[in-house]
Amino acid sequence: MKRTQGGITLIGFIIVLALVGFFAYVAMKLVPMYSEYYAVKQALKGLQQEPGIANRDPAKIQDLFFRRLYISYAENVKAENVKIERVDGGWNMSVNYEVRKPLMGNLDVVGKFAASEQLSNRGPD
């Protein structure tokens, strides 16, 4: 009775290793983009819990927001990406921005992010 070995060949192992390496490389580009988005959402939530935020000037609110982002090392959100509008009892702050990271050659990874929060004196809903 002849017994054959089972398992992966060297070529198969190299292919699997290349695929794992490619997906790890893409993840290294995507994870910082999403961690920055999480920092933006946390900064908005922190502003919402700030006492008396609805009575503040929009420039002061924007300054507080960017101070919170500076702590989180968020670099892709600029002042032109932030919009503050007056609503009943406070402000509506929205942040819309795009992040573009080079992947390889002429291919880029593009992420479009949007977050908004109602800023009022009532605190979080």
N, C-alpha and C. Protein backbone atom coordinates (compact mmCIF):
# COMPACT_ATOMS: atom_id res chain seq x y z
N MET A 1 0.84 -1.16 0.00
CA MET A 1 0.00 0.00 0.00
C MET A 1 0.90 1.24 0.00
N LYS A 2 0.72 2.07 -1.02
CA LYS A 2 1.54 3.28 -1.16
C LYS A 2 0.91 4.42 -0.38
N ARG A 3 1.76 5.12 0.35
CA ARG A 3 1.28 6.24 1.15
C ARG A 3 1.78 7.55 0.53
N THR A 4 0.88 8.52 0.36
CA THR A 4 1.28 9.81 -0.20
C THR A 4 1.20 10.88 0.88
N GLN A 5 2.10 11.80 0.76
CA GLN A 5 2.09 12.91 1.71
C GLN A 5 1.07 13.95 1.29
N GLY A 6 0.46 14.55 2.27
CA GLY A 6 -0.48 15.64 2.01
C GLY A 6 0.09 16.93 2.57
N GLY A 7 -0.27 18.03 1.98
CA GLY A 7 0.21 19.31 2.48
C GLY A 7 0.34 20.31 1.36
N ILE A 8 0.86 21.43 1.71
CA ILE A 8 0.98 22.52 0.75
C ILE A 8 2.36 22.46 0.08
N THR A 9 2.39 22.76 -1.20
CA THR A 9 3.66 22.77 -1.92
C THR A 9 4.35 24.12 -1.71
N LEU A 10 5.57 24.21 -2.14
CA LEU A 10 6.33 25.46 -2.00
C LEU A 10 5.67 26.57 -2.80
N ILE A 11 5.22 26.29 -4.00
CA ILE A 11 4.54 27.30 -4.83
C ILE A 11 3.25 27.76 -4.14
N GLY A 12 2.49 26.82 -3.62
CA GLY A 12 1.26 27.18 -2.91
C GLY A 12 1.54 28.04 -1.68
N PHE A 13 2.61 27.69 -0.96
CA PHE A 13 2.99 28.47 0.21
C PHE A 13 3.38 29.89 -0.17
N ILE A 14 4.10 30.05 -1.25
CA ILE A 14 4.52 31.39 -1.72
C ILE A 14 3.29 32.21 -2.13
N ILE A 15 2.33 31.60 -2.78
CA ILE A 15 1.11 32.30 -3.18
C ILE A 15 0.33 32.75 -1.95
N VAL A 16 0.17 31.86 -0.98
CA VAL A 16 -0.54 32.22 0.24
C VAL A 16 0.20 33.34 0.98
N LEU A 17 1.51 33.26 1.05
CA LEU A 17 2.31 34.28 1.70
C LEU A 17 2.18 35.63 0.99
N ALA A 18 2.15 35.63 -0.33
CA ALA A 18 1.97 36.87 -1.10
C ALA A 18 0.61 37.49 -0.84
N LEU A 19 -0.44 36.67 -0.79
CA LEU A 19 -1.78 37.19 -0.52
C LEU A 19 -1.88 37.77 0.89
N VAL A 20 -1.33 37.07 1.86
CA VAL A 20 -1.34 37.58 3.24
C VAL A 20 -0.56 38.89 3.32
N GLY A 21 0.58 38.96 2.65
CA GLY A 21 1.38 40.18 2.64
C GLY A 21 0.65 41.34 2.00
N PHE A 22 -0.05 41.08 0.89
CA PHE A 22 -0.80 42.14 0.21
C PHE A 22 -1.90 42.69 1.10
N PHE A 23 -2.67 41.79 1.73
CA PHE A 23 -3.76 42.26 2.59
C PHE A 23 -3.23 42.95 3.85
N ALA A 24 -2.09 42.54 4.35
CA ALA A 24 -1.48 43.23 5.49
C ALA A 24 -1.04 44.64 5.07
N TYR A 25 -0.51 44.78 3.86
CA TYR A 25 -0.09 46.08 3.35
C TYR A 25 -1.28 47.02 3.19
N VAL A 26 -2.38 46.51 2.64
CA VAL A 26 -3.59 47.32 2.49
C VAL A 26 -4.14 47.71 3.86
N ALA A 27 -4.11 46.79 4.81
CA ALA A 27 -4.59 47.10 6.16
C ALA A 27 -3.74 48.18 6.81
N MET A 28 -2.43 48.18 6.54
CA MET A 28 -1.57 49.22 7.10
C MET A 28 -1.92 50.60 6.54
N LYS A 29 -2.51 50.67 5.37
CA LYS A 29 -2.96 51.94 4.81
C LYS A 29 -4.34 52.33 5.33
N LEU A 30 -5.22 51.35 5.57
CA LEU A 30 -6.59 51.64 5.96
C LEU A 30 -6.78 51.90 7.46
N VAL A 31 -6.06 51.20 8.30
CA VAL A 31 -6.26 51.32 9.75
C VAL A 31 -6.02 52.75 10.25
N PRO A 32 -4.96 53.46 9.83
CA PRO A 32 -4.82 54.84 10.29
C PRO A 32 -5.95 55.76 9.84
N MET A 33 -6.50 55.52 8.65
CA MET A 33 -7.61 56.33 8.17
C MET A 33 -8.82 56.17 9.07
N TYR A 34 -9.13 54.93 9.44
CA TYR A 34 -10.30 54.69 10.28
C TYR A 34 -10.05 55.07 11.74
N SER A 35 -8.82 54.99 12.21
CA SER A 35 -8.56 55.44 13.58
C SER A 35 -8.68 56.96 13.67
N GLU A 36 -8.33 57.67 12.60
CA GLU A 36 -8.53 59.12 12.57
C GLU A 36 -10.01 59.46 12.56
N TYR A 37 -10.79 58.71 11.82
CA TYR A 37 -12.25 58.91 11.79
C TYR A 37 -12.85 58.68 13.18
N TYR A 38 -12.36 57.67 13.87
CA TYR A 38 -12.80 57.40 15.24
C TYR A 38 -12.45 58.58 16.14
N ALA A 39 -11.27 59.19 15.95
CA ALA A 39 -10.87 60.35 16.74
C ALA A 39 -11.78 61.55 16.47
N VAL A 40 -12.20 61.72 15.22
CA VAL A 40 -13.13 62.79 14.87
C VAL A 40 -14.46 62.57 15.58
N LYS A 41 -14.96 61.35 15.55
CA LYS A 41 -16.24 61.06 16.22
C LYS A 41 -16.12 61.26 17.73
N GLN A 42 -15.00 60.89 18.32
CA GLN A 42 -14.80 61.07 19.76
C GLN A 42 -14.70 62.56 20.10
N ALA A 43 -14.06 63.35 19.25
CA ALA A 43 -13.96 64.79 19.49
C ALA A 43 -15.34 65.44 19.43
N LEU A 44 -16.17 65.00 18.49
CA LEU A 44 -17.53 65.52 18.41
C LEU A 44 -18.35 65.14 19.64
N LYS A 45 -18.22 63.91 20.08
CA LYS A 45 -18.94 63.48 21.29
C LYS A 45 -18.47 64.26 22.51
N GLY A 46 -17.16 64.53 22.58
CA GLY A 46 -16.62 65.30 23.69
C GLY A 46 -17.14 66.73 23.69
N LEU A 47 -17.27 67.32 22.50
CA LEU A 47 -17.84 68.66 22.41
C LEU A 47 -19.30 68.67 22.84
N GLN A 48 -20.01 67.63 22.50
CA GLN A 48 -21.43 67.55 22.87
C GLN A 48 -21.59 67.56 24.38
N GLN A 49 -20.65 66.98 25.11
CA GLN A 49 -20.74 66.90 26.56
C GLN A 49 -20.14 68.12 27.25
N GLU A 50 -19.56 69.04 26.49
CA GLU A 50 -18.98 70.26 27.05
C GLU A 50 -20.10 71.14 27.61
N PRO A 51 -19.98 71.60 28.87
CA PRO A 51 -21.04 72.44 29.44
C PRO A 51 -21.12 73.80 28.74
N GLY A 52 -22.33 74.23 28.42
CA GLY A 52 -22.57 75.53 27.81
C GLY A 52 -22.10 75.64 26.37
N ILE A 53 -21.99 74.52 25.67
CA ILE A 53 -21.46 74.54 24.30
C ILE A 53 -22.41 75.27 23.34
N ALA A 54 -23.71 75.24 23.60
CA ALA A 54 -24.67 75.87 22.70
C ALA A 54 -24.57 77.39 22.74
N ASN A 55 -24.00 77.94 23.80
CA ASN A 55 -23.89 79.39 23.93
C ASN A 55 -22.54 79.92 23.44
N ARG A 56 -21.69 79.07 22.96
CA ARG A 56 -20.36 79.48 22.51
C ARG A 56 -20.39 79.96 21.07
N ASP A 57 -19.40 80.73 20.74
CA ASP A 57 -19.20 81.24 19.39
C ASP A 57 -18.72 80.08 18.49
N PRO A 58 -19.14 80.03 17.21
CA PRO A 58 -18.69 78.95 16.32
C PRO A 58 -17.16 78.87 16.19
N ALA A 59 -16.48 80.01 16.22
CA ALA A 59 -15.01 79.98 16.12
C ALA A 59 -14.42 79.30 17.35
N LYS A 60 -14.99 79.52 18.52
CA LYS A 60 -14.50 78.88 19.75
C LYS A 60 -14.78 77.38 19.72
N ILE A 61 -15.96 77.01 19.21
CA ILE A 61 -16.31 75.59 19.09
C ILE A 61 -15.33 74.89 18.16
N GLN A 62 -15.04 75.53 17.03
CA GLN A 62 -14.11 74.94 16.06
C GLN A 62 -12.72 74.83 16.67
N ASP A 63 -12.30 75.81 17.45
CA ASP A 63 -11.00 75.77 18.11
C ASP A 63 -10.94 74.60 19.11
N LEU A 64 -12.00 74.43 19.88
CA LEU A 64 -12.05 73.30 20.83
C LEU A 64 -11.98 71.96 20.10
N PHE A 65 -12.67 71.88 18.97
CA PHE A 65 -12.68 70.66 18.17
C PHE A 65 -11.27 70.32 17.67
N PHE A 66 -10.58 71.32 17.12
CA PHE A 66 -9.24 71.06 16.58
C PHE A 66 -8.22 70.81 17.68
N ARG A 67 -8.44 71.34 18.86
CA ARG A 67 -7.56 71.00 19.99
C ARG A 67 -7.70 69.53 20.35
N ARG A 68 -8.92 69.04 20.33
CA ARG A 68 -9.15 67.61 20.62
C ARG A 68 -8.53 66.74 19.53
N LEU A 69 -8.61 67.18 18.28
CA LEU A 69 -8.01 66.39 17.19
C LEU A 69 -6.49 66.42 17.27
N TYR A 70 -5.92 67.53 17.69
CA TYR A 70 -4.47 67.65 17.80
C TYR A 70 -3.92 66.62 18.79
N ILE A 71 -4.65 66.39 19.86
CA ILE A 71 -4.24 65.41 20.86
C ILE A 71 -4.22 64.00 20.25
N SER A 72 -5.13 63.74 19.32
CA SER A 72 -5.25 62.42 18.70
C SER A 72 -4.38 62.26 17.45
N TYR A 73 -3.58 63.25 17.13
CA TYR A 73 -2.70 63.22 15.95
C TYR A 73 -3.48 63.09 14.65
N ALA A 74 -4.66 63.68 14.59
CA ALA A 74 -5.44 63.68 13.35
C ALA A 74 -4.96 64.83 12.48
N GLU A 75 -4.52 64.52 11.27
CA GLU A 75 -3.90 65.53 10.40
C GLU A 75 -4.71 65.85 9.15
N ASN A 76 -5.65 65.02 8.78
CA ASN A 76 -6.33 65.18 7.50
C ASN A 76 -7.56 66.07 7.55
N VAL A 77 -8.05 66.41 8.71
CA VAL A 77 -9.23 67.26 8.82
C VAL A 77 -8.76 68.71 8.87
N LYS A 78 -9.26 69.50 7.94
CA LYS A 78 -8.90 70.92 7.85
C LYS A 78 -10.12 71.77 8.20
N ALA A 79 -9.89 73.06 8.38
CA ALA A 79 -10.98 73.98 8.77
C ALA A 79 -12.08 74.02 7.71
N GLU A 80 -11.72 73.89 6.45
CA GLU A 80 -12.75 73.93 5.40
C GLU A 80 -13.63 72.67 5.38
N ASN A 81 -13.23 71.63 6.10
CA ASN A 81 -14.03 70.41 6.18
C ASN A 81 -15.08 70.46 7.29
N VAL A 82 -15.05 71.49 8.12
CA VAL A 82 -15.94 71.59 9.27
C VAL A 82 -17.02 72.63 8.98
N LYS A 83 -18.27 72.26 9.25
CA LYS A 83 -19.40 73.17 9.04
C LYS A 83 -20.22 73.23 10.32
N ILE A 84 -20.46 74.43 10.80
CA ILE A 84 -21.25 74.63 12.02
C ILE A 84 -22.46 75.48 11.65
N GLU A 85 -23.65 74.93 11.91
CA GLU A 85 -24.90 75.63 11.59
C GLU A 85 -25.74 75.80 12.84
N ARG A 86 -26.43 76.92 12.95
CA ARG A 86 -27.32 77.18 14.07
C ARG A 86 -28.60 76.39 13.87
N VAL A 87 -29.00 75.67 14.91
CA VAL A 87 -30.28 74.96 14.94
C VAL A 87 -30.98 75.33 16.25
N ASP A 88 -32.20 74.88 16.41
CA ASP A 88 -32.95 75.20 17.63
C ASP A 88 -32.22 74.69 18.86
N GLY A 89 -31.87 75.60 19.76
CA GLY A 89 -31.25 75.21 21.02
C GLY A 89 -29.78 74.88 20.95
N GLY A 90 -29.09 75.22 19.87
CA GLY A 90 -27.67 74.91 19.82
C GLY A 90 -27.09 74.98 18.42
N TRP A 91 -26.17 74.10 18.17
CA TRP A 91 -25.46 74.05 16.89
C TRP A 91 -25.46 72.63 16.34
N ASN A 92 -25.39 72.55 15.03
CA ASN A 92 -25.18 71.26 14.37
C ASN A 92 -23.79 71.34 13.72
N MET A 93 -22.90 70.48 14.16
CA MET A 93 -21.54 70.48 13.64
C MET A 93 -21.34 69.24 12.78
N SER A 94 -20.92 69.45 11.54
CA SER A 94 -20.66 68.32 10.64
C SER A 94 -19.25 68.42 10.09
N VAL A 95 -18.65 67.26 9.94
CA VAL A 95 -17.28 67.16 9.43
C VAL A 95 -17.31 66.18 8.25
N ASN A 96 -16.96 66.67 7.07
CA ASN A 96 -16.89 65.85 5.86
C ASN A 96 -15.50 66.02 5.27
N TYR A 97 -14.77 64.93 5.14
CA TYR A 97 -13.42 65.01 4.60
C TYR A 97 -13.08 63.74 3.84
N GLU A 98 -12.01 63.85 3.06
CA GLU A 98 -11.54 62.74 2.24
C GLU A 98 -10.06 62.52 2.51
N VAL A 99 -9.68 61.27 2.59
CA VAL A 99 -8.28 60.90 2.79
C VAL A 99 -7.84 60.06 1.60
N ARG A 100 -6.72 60.43 1.02
CA ARG A 100 -6.17 59.70 -0.13
C ARG A 100 -4.76 59.27 0.21
N LYS A 101 -4.51 57.97 0.19
CA LYS A 101 -3.19 57.42 0.48
C LYS A 101 -2.72 56.64 -0.74
N PRO A 102 -1.46 56.83 -1.15
CA PRO A 102 -0.95 56.03 -2.27
C PRO A 102 -0.81 54.57 -1.87
N LEU A 103 -1.25 53.69 -2.74
CA LEU A 103 -1.17 52.25 -2.46
C LEU A 103 0.06 51.65 -3.13
N MET A 104 0.09 51.68 -4.44
CA MET A 104 1.26 51.22 -5.19
C MET A 104 1.14 51.75 -6.62
N GLY A 105 2.24 52.23 -7.12
CA GLY A 105 2.23 52.78 -8.48
C GLY A 105 1.28 53.96 -8.57
N ASN A 106 0.34 53.87 -9.51
CA ASN A 106 -0.63 54.94 -9.68
C ASN A 106 -1.98 54.61 -9.04
N LEU A 107 -2.01 53.64 -8.13
CA LEU A 107 -3.24 53.28 -7.41
C LEU A 107 -3.26 53.95 -6.05
N ASP A 108 -4.40 54.51 -5.70
CA ASP A 108 -4.58 55.16 -4.41
C ASP A 108 -5.73 54.50 -3.66
N VAL A 109 -5.66 54.58 -2.34
CA VAL A 109 -6.79 54.20 -1.48
C VAL A 109 -7.46 55.50 -1.07
N VAL A 110 -8.76 55.61 -1.33
CA VAL A 110 -9.49 56.83 -1.01
C VAL A 110 -10.57 56.50 0.00
N GLY A 111 -10.62 57.28 1.07
CA GLY A 111 -11.67 57.13 2.06
C GLY A 111 -12.42 58.43 2.21
N LYS A 112 -13.75 58.38 2.13
CA LYS A 112 -14.60 59.56 2.35
C LYS A 112 -15.32 59.36 3.66
N PHE A 113 -15.17 60.32 4.56
CA PHE A 113 -15.72 60.20 5.90
C PHE A 113 -16.63 61.37 6.20
N ALA A 114 -17.71 61.10 6.93
CA ALA A 114 -18.66 62.13 7.34
C ALA A 114 -19.15 61.81 8.75
N ALA A 115 -19.17 62.83 9.59
CA ALA A 115 -19.68 62.69 10.95
C ALA A 115 -20.35 63.99 11.32
N SER A 116 -21.40 63.91 12.12
CA SER A 116 -22.06 65.12 12.59
C SER A 116 -22.60 64.88 14.00
N GLU A 117 -22.79 65.98 14.70
CA GLU A 117 -23.26 65.90 16.08
C GLU A 117 -24.07 67.15 16.40
N GLN A 118 -25.11 66.96 17.17
CA GLN A 118 -25.94 68.06 17.65
C GLN A 118 -25.31 68.58 18.94
N LEU A 119 -24.95 69.86 18.97
CA LEU A 119 -24.32 70.45 20.15
C LEU A 119 -25.35 71.33 20.85
N SER A 120 -25.80 70.90 22.01
CA SER A 120 -26.79 71.67 22.77
C SER A 120 -26.43 71.63 24.25
N ASN A 121 -27.11 72.44 25.02
CA ASN A 121 -26.85 72.48 26.47
C ASN A 121 -27.50 71.31 27.20
N ARG A 122 -28.31 70.55 26.51
CA ARG A 122 -28.96 69.41 27.15
C ARG A 122 -28.01 68.26 27.41
N GLY A 123 -26.88 68.22 26.73
CA GLY A 123 -25.96 67.11 26.86
C GLY A 123 -26.31 66.00 25.89
N PRO A 124 -25.72 64.84 26.04
CA PRO A 124 -25.97 63.74 25.10
C PRO A 124 -27.39 63.24 25.20
N ASP A 125 -27.94 62.86 24.04
CA ASP A 125 -29.31 62.30 24.01
C ASP A 125 -29.33 60.85 24.39
